[in-house]
Amino acid sequence: MIYAATSVWLTLIVLMAWSVHRLWQGIVKSRTVNGVLLPGTLIAQLGHVIGLLITGATVNNTALVGDNDRGEPSTQPGFKPKIPFVGPIVVALLPMLALGGAIFLLVVRLGRPVIVQLPMDALSTELPVTMGAFWDQLRALVTLAEETLAAASSTGVTSWKTGLFIYLMTCFTVRMAPIPGNVRGHVGAIAAVGSIAALSATLSPKPFNIIQEAWPIMSLTMGWLLLLMLLSLVARGAVETVQMIGRSAGTYD
């Protein structure tokens, strides 16, 4: 069951990262958002390019901040993986693995004071199959977001290490969003991770042990994105309210 839960949580992480990114683009210019997230963009684009090369594509004119209106990272149009079905999955999987590795190293170097304060049982290793379990999981996620904020604040927000951790953690988690043009590949990559781990576990306990060891990192990532989602929704709502009031005032003048 832990393998199915892993796939579900990874899917939610990708979807939440995508949502946070879109919310930010509705508040400030897209190019500004993508520029601020540059460290995460660099890692994701590097994994994307390596995935394209592995799957037989030719990569030209790669840009971390594209020339289009949204300023998304880009490669020359028309260059896609030449391996059907598996190619898009590989291209989507490598950026996710690269960002996951970056988050792991970040936590090891700067984030231990934060992660040790989080409730490690906030993410259930079993899918909630009853209504009661579903609501219990929702309450646990709200608590996880609260504890994530408390843990980050308790380490001293004025410390340069804490500031760097908060910035890089935000860049790496938000850039878990799908790269434009390969959303299906991300879905396939997540499903492939769970399926391969489940099949491998029949031969060796290592996949199970790896997932258990990575669970705290997944909990931190989920808590961080939940916190960003809540803050982004409040900010987006405030901006929309001010704009609506401004338009209404202009109508009556």
C-alpha atoms as a PDB file:
ATOM      1  CA  MET A   1       0.000   0.000   0.000  1.00  0.00           C
ATOM      2  CA  ILE A   2       2.922   2.352   0.655  1.00  0.00           C
ATOM      3  CA  TYR A   3       3.777   2.329  -3.051  1.00  0.00           C
ATOM      4  CA  ALA A   4       0.299   3.474  -4.049  1.00  0.00           C
ATOM      5  CA  ALA A   5       0.437   6.144  -1.328  1.00  0.00           C
ATOM      6  CA  THR A   6       3.814   7.297  -2.633  1.00  0.00           C
ATOM      7  CA  SER A   7       2.414   7.752  -6.135  1.00  0.00           C
ATOM      8  CA  VAL A   8      -0.573   9.679  -4.785  1.00  0.00           C
ATOM      9  CA  TRP A   9       1.557  12.004  -2.655  1.00  0.00           C
ATOM     10  CA  LEU A  10       3.990  12.628  -5.502  1.00  0.00           C
ATOM     11  CA  THR A  11       1.062  13.469  -7.760  1.00  0.00           C
ATOM     12  CA  LEU A  12      -0.295  15.918  -5.198  1.00  0.00           C
ATOM     13  CA  ILE A  13       3.150  17.496  -4.785  1.00  0.00           C
ATOM     14  CA  VAL A  14       3.433  18.075  -8.536  1.00  0.00           C
ATOM     15  CA  LEU A  15      -0.110  19.444  -8.777  1.00  0.00           C
ATOM     16  CA  MET A  16       0.371  21.754  -5.802  1.00  0.00           C
ATOM     17  CA  ALA A  17       3.673  23.032  -7.173  1.00  0.00           C
ATOM     18  CA  TRP A  18       1.919  23.728 -10.472  1.00  0.00           C
ATOM     19  CA  SER A  19      -0.932  25.537  -8.676  1.00  0.00           C
ATOM     20  CA  VAL A  20       1.421  27.695  -6.595  1.00  0.00           C
ATOM     21  CA  HIS A  21       3.357  28.634  -9.712  1.00  0.00           C
ATOM     22  CA  ARG A  22       0.155  29.649 -11.522  1.00  0.00           C
ATOM     23  CA  LEU A  23      -1.077  31.633  -8.511  1.00  0.00           C
ATOM     24  CA  TRP A  24       2.156  33.599  -8.412  1.00  0.00           C
ATOM     25  CA  GLN A  25       1.880  34.312 -12.122  1.00  0.00           C
ATOM     26  CA  GLY A  26      -1.515  35.870 -11.434  1.00  0.00           C
ATOM     27  CA  ILE A  27       0.008  38.287  -8.923  1.00  0.00           C
ATOM     28  CA  VAL A  28       3.245  39.425 -10.592  1.00  0.00           C
ATOM     29  CA  LYS A  29       4.662  39.123 -14.093  1.00  0.00           C
ATOM     30  CA  SER A  30       5.474  35.586 -15.172  1.00  0.00           C
ATOM     31  CA  ARG A  31       9.027  36.473 -16.162  1.00  0.00           C
ATOM     32  CA  THR A  32       9.621  37.868 -12.666  1.00  0.00           C
ATOM     33  CA  VAL A  33       8.344  34.650 -11.070  1.00  0.00           C
ATOM     34  CA  ASN A  34      10.515  32.462 -13.280  1.00  0.00           C
ATOM     35  CA  GLY A  35      13.510  34.719 -12.648  1.00  0.00           C
ATOM     36  CA  VAL A  36      13.084  34.476  -8.869  1.00  0.00           C
ATOM     37  CA  LEU A  37      12.902  30.675  -9.122  1.00  0.00           C
ATOM     38  CA  LEU A  38      16.118  30.539 -11.144  1.00  0.00           C
ATOM     39  CA  PRO A  39      18.033  27.994  -8.966  1.00  0.00           C
ATOM     40  CA  GLY A  40      15.166  25.515  -9.227  1.00  0.00           C
ATOM     41  CA  THR A  41      14.711  26.324 -12.909  1.00  0.00           C
ATOM     42  CA  LEU A  42      18.394  25.593 -13.561  1.00  0.00           C
ATOM     43  CA  ILE A  43      18.193  22.128 -11.983  1.00  0.00           C
ATOM     44  CA  ALA A  44      14.879  21.255 -13.639  1.00  0.00           C
ATOM     45  CA  GLN A  45      16.038  22.419 -17.066  1.00  0.00           C
ATOM     46  CA  LEU A  46      19.310  20.519 -16.729  1.00  0.00           C
ATOM     47  CA  GLY A  47      17.404  17.321 -15.986  1.00  0.00           C
ATOM     48  CA  HIS A  48      15.039  18.076 -18.871  1.00  0.00           C
ATOM     49  CA  VAL A  49      17.887  18.510 -21.352  1.00  0.00           C
ATOM     50  CA  ILE A  50      19.659  15.347 -20.190  1.00  0.00           C
ATOM     51  CA  GLY A  51      16.386  13.458 -20.564  1.00  0.00           C
ATOM     52  CA  LEU A  52      15.977  14.745 -24.114  1.00  0.00           C
ATOM     53  CA  LEU A  53      19.515  13.720 -25.020  1.00  0.00           C
ATOM     54  CA  ILE A  54      19.102  10.247 -23.505  1.00  0.00           C
ATOM     55  CA  THR A  55      15.911   9.673 -25.477  1.00  0.00           C
ATOM     56  CA  GLY A  56      17.481  10.652 -28.792  1.00  0.00           C
ATOM     57  CA  ALA A  57      16.395  14.267 -29.191  1.00  0.00           C
ATOM     58  CA  THR A  58      18.663  17.017 -30.478  1.00  0.00           C
ATOM     59  CA  VAL A  59      18.664  20.041 -28.177  1.00  0.00           C
ATOM     60  CA  ASN A  60      19.336  23.545 -29.481  1.00  0.00           C
ATOM     61  CA  ASN A  61      18.791  27.078 -28.178  1.00  0.00           C
ATOM     62  CA  THR A  62      18.058  26.165 -24.576  1.00  0.00           C
ATOM     63  CA  ALA A  63      16.995  29.108 -22.408  1.00  0.00           C
ATOM     64  CA  LEU A  64      16.401  29.244 -18.667  1.00  0.00           C
ATOM     65  CA  VAL A  65      14.068  32.216 -19.098  1.00  0.00           C
ATOM     66  CA  GLY A  66      12.457  32.053 -22.522  1.00  0.00           C
ATOM     67  CA  ASP A  67      11.561  34.891 -24.848  1.00  0.00           C
ATOM     68  CA  ASN A  68       7.838  34.122 -24.738  1.00  0.00           C
ATOM     69  CA  ASP A  69       5.407  36.183 -22.699  1.00  0.00           C
ATOM     70  CA  ARG A  70       5.467  33.734 -19.803  1.00  0.00           C
ATOM     71  CA  GLY A  71       9.242  33.581 -19.671  1.00  0.00           C
ATOM     72  CA  GLU A  72       9.199  29.810 -19.283  1.00  0.00           C
ATOM     73  CA  PRO A  73      12.414  27.818 -19.780  1.00  0.00           C
ATOM     74  CA  SER A  74      12.520  26.494 -23.324  1.00  0.00           C
ATOM     75  CA  THR A  75      14.374  24.517 -25.941  1.00  0.00           C
ATOM     76  CA  GLN A  76      14.092  24.885 -29.688  1.00  0.00           C
ATOM     77  CA  PRO A  77      10.543  23.885 -30.717  1.00  0.00           C
ATOM     78  CA  GLY A  78      10.049  20.558 -32.450  1.00  0.00           C
ATOM     79  CA  PHE A  79      12.751  18.593 -30.682  1.00  0.00           C
ATOM     80  CA  LYS A  80      11.003  15.828 -28.802  1.00  0.00           C
ATOM     81  CA  PRO A  81      12.011  12.404 -27.496  1.00  0.00           C
ATOM     82  CA  LYS A  82      12.321   9.857 -30.306  1.00  0.00           C
ATOM     83  CA  ILE A  83      11.446   6.925 -28.053  1.00  0.00           C
ATOM     84  CA  PRO A  84       7.640   6.599 -27.977  1.00  0.00           C
ATOM     85  CA  PHE A  85       5.788   6.309 -24.654  1.00  0.00           C
ATOM     86  CA  VAL A  86       8.932   5.828 -22.550  1.00  0.00           C
ATOM     87  CA  GLY A  87      10.665   8.973 -23.838  1.00  0.00           C
ATOM     88  CA  PRO A  88       8.294  11.566 -22.333  1.00  0.00           C
ATOM     89  CA  ILE A  89       8.339   9.667 -19.033  1.00  0.00           C
ATOM     90  CA  VAL A  90      12.149   9.755 -18.882  1.00  0.00           C
ATOM     91  CA  VAL A  91      12.209  13.454 -19.807  1.00  0.00           C
ATOM     92  CA  ALA A  92       9.752  14.215 -16.989  1.00  0.00           C
ATOM     93  CA  LEU A  93      11.351  11.873 -14.461  1.00  0.00           C
ATOM     94  CA  LEU A  94      14.889  13.258 -14.562  1.00  0.00           C
ATOM     95  CA  PRO A  95      13.963  16.833 -13.515  1.00  0.00           C
ATOM     96  CA  MET A  96      11.903  15.419 -10.656  1.00  0.00           C
ATOM     97  CA  LEU A  97      14.783  13.210  -9.512  1.00  0.00           C
ATOM     98  CA  ALA A  98      17.225  16.113  -9.814  1.00  0.00           C
ATOM     99  CA  LEU A  99      15.006  18.401  -7.756  1.00  0.00           C
ATOM    100  CA  GLY A 100      14.371  15.634  -5.223  1.00  0.00           C
ATOM    101  CA  GLY A 101      18.122  15.159  -4.866  1.00  0.00           C
ATOM    102  CA  ALA A 102      18.597  18.907  -4.469  1.00  0.00           C
ATOM    103  CA  ILE A 103      15.951  19.023  -1.728  1.00  0.00           C
ATOM    104  CA  PHE A 104      17.643  16.105   0.041  1.00  0.00           C
ATOM    105  CA  LEU A 105      21.052  17.815  -0.019  1.00  0.00           C
ATOM    106  CA  LEU A 106      19.495  21.101   1.088  1.00  0.00           C
ATOM    107  CA  VAL A 107      17.829  19.445   4.072  1.00  0.00           C
ATOM    108  CA  VAL A 108      21.032  17.616   5.033  1.00  0.00           C
ATOM    109  CA  ARG A 109      23.092  20.798   4.875  1.00  0.00           C
ATOM    110  CA  LEU A 110      20.676  23.452   6.162  1.00  0.00           C
ATOM    111  CA  GLY A 111      17.303  21.955   6.994  1.00  0.00           C
ATOM    112  CA  ARG A 112      17.865  19.518   9.842  1.00  0.00           C
ATOM    113  CA  PRO A 113      16.585  21.986  12.512  1.00  0.00           C
ATOM    114  CA  VAL A 114      13.348  22.250  10.509  1.00  0.00           C
ATOM    115  CA  ILE A 115      12.698  18.642   9.557  1.00  0.00           C
ATOM    116  CA  VAL A 116      13.244  17.249  13.063  1.00  0.00           C
ATOM    117  CA  GLN A 117      10.300  19.335  14.317  1.00  0.00           C
ATOM    118  CA  LEU A 118       7.791  18.033  11.782  1.00  0.00           C
ATOM    119  CA  PRO A 119       5.258  15.281  12.550  1.00  0.00           C
ATOM    120  CA  MET A 120       6.495  12.374  10.439  1.00  0.00           C
ATOM    121  CA  ASP A 121       3.120  10.630  10.571  1.00  0.00           C
ATOM    122  CA  ALA A 122       1.313  13.523   8.872  1.00  0.00           C
ATOM    123  CA  LEU A 123       1.430  11.719   5.525  1.00  0.00           C
ATOM    124  CA  SER A 124      -0.293   8.382   5.767  1.00  0.00           C
ATOM    125  CA  THR A 125       1.509   5.439   4.197  1.00  0.00           C
ATOM    126  CA  GLU A 126      -1.902   3.970   3.405  1.00  0.00           C
ATOM    127  CA  LEU A 127      -4.569   5.458   1.177  1.00  0.00           C
ATOM    128  CA  PRO A 128      -7.609   6.785   3.088  1.00  0.00           C
ATOM    129  CA  VAL A 129     -10.350   4.453   1.868  1.00  0.00           C
ATOM    130  CA  THR A 130     -13.054   5.600   4.308  1.00  0.00           C
ATOM    131  CA  MET A 131     -14.643   9.013   4.782  1.00  0.00           C
ATOM    132  CA  GLY A 132     -13.346   9.202   8.346  1.00  0.00           C
ATOM    133  CA  ALA A 133      -9.792   8.432   7.240  1.00  0.00           C
ATOM    134  CA  PHE A 134     -10.089  11.041   4.477  1.00  0.00           C
ATOM    135  CA  TRP A 135     -11.036  13.831   6.905  1.00  0.00           C
ATOM    136  CA  ASP A 136      -8.379  12.688   9.369  1.00  0.00           C
ATOM    137  CA  GLN A 137      -5.799  13.017   6.601  1.00  0.00           C
ATOM    138  CA  LEU A 138      -7.027  16.527   5.713  1.00  0.00           C
ATOM    139  CA  ARG A 139      -6.704  17.613   9.330  1.00  0.00           C
ATOM    140  CA  ALA A 140      -3.219  16.099   9.460  1.00  0.00           C
ATOM    141  CA  LEU A 141      -2.225  18.090   6.343  1.00  0.00           C
ATOM    142  CA  VAL A 142      -3.415  21.361   7.909  1.00  0.00           C
ATOM    143  CA  THR A 143      -1.400  20.517  11.011  1.00  0.00           C
ATOM    144  CA  LEU A 144       1.609  19.725   8.813  1.00  0.00           C
ATOM    145  CA  ALA A 145       1.437  23.168   7.179  1.00  0.00           C
ATOM    146  CA  GLU A 146       1.151  24.791  10.618  1.00  0.00           C
ATOM    147  CA  GLU A 147       4.088  22.823  12.003  1.00  0.00           C
ATOM    148  CA  THR A 148       6.184  23.602   8.928  1.00  0.00           C
ATOM    149  CA  LEU A 149       5.714  27.337   9.482  1.00  0.00           C
ATOM    150  CA  ALA A 150       6.453  26.987  13.194  1.00  0.00           C
ATOM    151  CA  ALA A 151       9.585  24.934  12.527  1.00  0.00           C
ATOM    152  CA  ALA A 152      10.948  27.385   9.963  1.00  0.00           C
ATOM    153  CA  SER A 153      10.225  30.334  12.267  1.00  0.00           C
ATOM    154  CA  SER A 154      11.814  28.715  15.316  1.00  0.00           C
ATOM    155  CA  THR A 155      15.189  28.385  13.587  1.00  0.00           C
ATOM    156  CA  GLY A 156      15.572  32.162  13.411  1.00  0.00           C
ATOM    157  CA  VAL A 157      14.384  33.872  10.229  1.00  0.00           C
ATOM    158  CA  THR A 158      17.153  36.469  10.501  1.00  0.00           C
ATOM    159  CA  SER A 159      19.870  33.818  10.134  1.00  0.00           C
ATOM    160  CA  TRP A 160      21.426  33.696   6.668  1.00  0.00           C
ATOM    161  CA  LYS A 161      21.301  29.903   6.746  1.00  0.00           C
ATOM    162  CA  THR A 162      17.580  29.931   7.451  1.00  0.00           C
ATOM    163  CA  GLY A 163      16.991  32.584   4.800  1.00  0.00           C
ATOM    164  CA  LEU A 164      18.943  30.588   2.226  1.00  0.00           C
ATOM    165  CA  PHE A 165      17.101  27.403   3.185  1.00  0.00           C
ATOM    166  CA  ILE A 166      13.689  29.079   2.827  1.00  0.00           C
ATOM    167  CA  TYR A 167      14.606  30.562  -0.556  1.00  0.00           C
ATOM    168  CA  LEU A 168      16.104  27.413  -2.052  1.00  0.00           C
ATOM    169  CA  MET A 169      13.378  25.182  -0.613  1.00  0.00           C
ATOM    170  CA  THR A 170      10.793  27.405  -2.263  1.00  0.00           C
ATOM    171  CA  CYS A 171      12.658  27.349  -5.597  1.00  0.00           C
ATOM    172  CA  PHE A 172      13.098  23.576  -5.606  1.00  0.00           C
ATOM    173  CA  THR A 173       9.560  22.673  -4.502  1.00  0.00           C
ATOM    174  CA  VAL A 174       7.698  25.079  -6.791  1.00  0.00           C
ATOM    175  CA  ARG A 175       9.809  23.958  -9.746  1.00  0.00           C
ATOM    176  CA  MET A 176       8.433  20.440  -9.258  1.00  0.00           C
ATOM    177  CA  ALA A 177       5.623  21.750 -11.474  1.00  0.00           C
ATOM    178  CA  PRO A 178       5.409  20.062 -14.886  1.00  0.00           C
ATOM    179  CA  ILE A 179       7.539  21.538 -17.649  1.00  0.00           C
ATOM    180  CA  PRO A 180       5.192  22.963 -20.303  1.00  0.00           C
ATOM    181  CA  GLY A 181       4.408  20.505 -23.057  1.00  0.00           C
ATOM    182  CA  ASN A 182       5.060  17.331 -21.067  1.00  0.00           C
ATOM    183  CA  VAL A 183       2.298  17.125 -18.459  1.00  0.00           C
ATOM    184  CA  ARG A 184       1.392  13.568 -19.490  1.00  0.00           C
ATOM    185  CA  GLY A 185       5.018  12.575 -19.095  1.00  0.00           C
ATOM    186  CA  HIS A 186       4.946  13.761 -15.474  1.00  0.00           C
ATOM    187  CA  VAL A 187       1.865  11.692 -14.740  1.00  0.00           C
ATOM    188  CA  GLY A 188       3.504   8.671 -16.362  1.00  0.00           C
ATOM    189  CA  ALA A 189       6.747   9.243 -14.452  1.00  0.00           C
ATOM    190  CA  ILE A 190       4.944   9.294 -11.108  1.00  0.00           C
ATOM    191  CA  ALA A 191       3.042   6.119 -11.954  1.00  0.00           C
ATOM    192  CA  ALA A 192       6.281   4.489 -13.122  1.00  0.00           C
ATOM    193  CA  VAL A 193       8.051   5.270  -9.829  1.00  0.00           C
ATOM    194  CA  GLY A 194       5.351   3.571  -7.768  1.00  0.00           C
ATOM    195  CA  SER A 195       5.013   0.613 -10.126  1.00  0.00           C
ATOM    196  CA  ILE A 196       8.754  -0.046 -10.438  1.00  0.00           C
ATOM    197  CA  ALA A 197       9.241   0.228  -6.675  1.00  0.00           C
ATOM    198  CA  ALA A 198       6.369  -2.179  -6.028  1.00  0.00           C
ATOM    199  CA  LEU A 199       7.705  -4.709  -8.537  1.00  0.00           C
ATOM    200  CA  SER A 200      11.252  -4.390  -7.224  1.00  0.00           C
ATOM    201  CA  ALA A 201      10.082  -4.963  -3.671  1.00  0.00           C
ATOM    202  CA  THR A 202       9.095  -8.501  -4.603  1.00  0.00           C
ATOM    203  CA  LEU A 203      12.791  -9.227  -5.164  1.00  0.00           C
ATOM    204  CA  SER A 204      14.444  -7.033  -2.542  1.00  0.00           C
ATOM    205  CA  PRO A 205      13.394  -4.946   0.500  1.00  0.00           C
ATOM    206  CA  LYS A 206      15.591  -2.046  -0.633  1.00  0.00           C
ATOM    207  CA  PRO A 207      12.837  -0.050  -2.427  1.00  0.00           C
ATOM    208  CA  PHE A 208      10.668  -0.212   0.696  1.00  0.00           C
ATOM    209  CA  ASN A 209      13.575   0.906   2.874  1.00  0.00           C
ATOM    210  CA  ILE A 210      14.419   3.777   0.504  1.00  0.00           C
ATOM    211  CA  ILE A 211      10.835   5.025   0.517  1.00  0.00           C
ATOM    212  CA  GLN A 212      10.698   4.854   4.308  1.00  0.00           C
ATOM    213  CA  GLU A 213      13.940   6.825   4.596  1.00  0.00           C
ATOM    214  CA  ALA A 214      12.694   9.400   2.076  1.00  0.00           C
ATOM    215  CA  TRP A 215       9.305   9.798   3.781  1.00  0.00           C
ATOM    216  CA  PRO A 216      10.426  12.697   6.041  1.00  0.00           C
ATOM    217  CA  ILE A 217      11.692  14.567   2.957  1.00  0.00           C
ATOM    218  CA  MET A 218       8.353  13.973   1.242  1.00  0.00           C
ATOM    219  CA  SER A 219       6.528  15.200   4.352  1.00  0.00           C
ATOM    220  CA  LEU A 220       8.616  18.375   4.417  1.00  0.00           C
ATOM    221  CA  THR A 221       8.044  18.961   0.696  1.00  0.00           C
ATOM    222  CA  MET A 222       4.300  18.474   1.073  1.00  0.00           C
ATOM    223  CA  GLY A 223       4.149  20.710   4.146  1.00  0.00           C
ATOM    224  CA  TRP A 224       6.168  23.405   2.395  1.00  0.00           C
ATOM    225  CA  LEU A 225       3.913  23.409  -0.659  1.00  0.00           C
ATOM    226  CA  LEU A 226       0.787  23.402   1.507  1.00  0.00           C
ATOM    227  CA  LEU A 227       2.106  26.453   3.336  1.00  0.00           C
ATOM    228  CA  LEU A 228       2.985  28.182   0.067  1.00  0.00           C
ATOM    229  CA  MET A 229      -0.451  27.324  -1.308  1.00  0.00           C
ATOM    230  CA  LEU A 230      -2.249  28.850   1.670  1.00  0.00           C
ATOM    231  CA  LEU A 231      -0.119  32.000   1.631  1.00  0.00           C
ATOM    232  CA  SER A 232      -0.480  32.319  -2.150  1.00  0.00           C
ATOM    233  CA  LEU A 233      -4.262  31.987  -1.986  1.00  0.00           C
ATOM    234  CA  VAL A 234      -4.437  34.732   0.643  1.00  0.00           C
ATOM    235  CA  ALA A 235      -2.136  36.993  -1.393  1.00  0.00           C
ATOM    236  CA  ARG A 236      -4.022  36.315  -4.640  1.00  0.00           C
ATOM    237  CA  GLY A 237      -7.343  36.988  -2.915  1.00  0.00           C
ATOM    238  CA  ALA A 238      -6.053  40.264  -1.470  1.00  0.00           C
ATOM    239  CA  VAL A 239      -4.748  41.408  -4.863  1.00  0.00           C
ATOM    240  CA  GLU A 240      -7.998  40.485  -6.613  1.00  0.00           C
ATOM    241  CA  THR A 241     -10.018  42.309  -3.934  1.00  0.00           C
ATOM    242  CA  VAL A 242      -7.954  45.489  -4.249  1.00  0.00           C
ATOM    243  CA  GLN A 243      -8.217  45.385  -8.043  1.00  0.00           C
ATOM    244  CA  MET A 244     -11.987  44.849  -7.861  1.00  0.00           C
ATOM    245  CA  ILE A 245     -12.386  47.771  -5.462  1.00  0.00           C
ATOM    246  CA  GLY A 246     -10.258  49.921  -7.753  1.00  0.00           C
ATOM    247  CA  ARG A 247     -12.369  49.030 -10.794  1.00  0.00           C
ATOM    248  CA  SER A 248     -15.569  49.704  -8.891  1.00  0.00           C
ATOM    249  CA  ALA A 249     -14.311  53.073  -7.677  1.00  0.00           C
ATOM    250  CA  GLY A 250     -13.328  54.003 -11.227  1.00  0.00           C
ATOM    251  CA  THR A 251     -16.811  53.109 -12.476  1.00  0.00           C
ATOM    252  CA  TYR A 252     -18.537  55.511 -10.069  1.00  0.00           C
ATOM    253  CA  ASP A 253     -16.123  58.419 -10.601  1.00  0.00           C
END
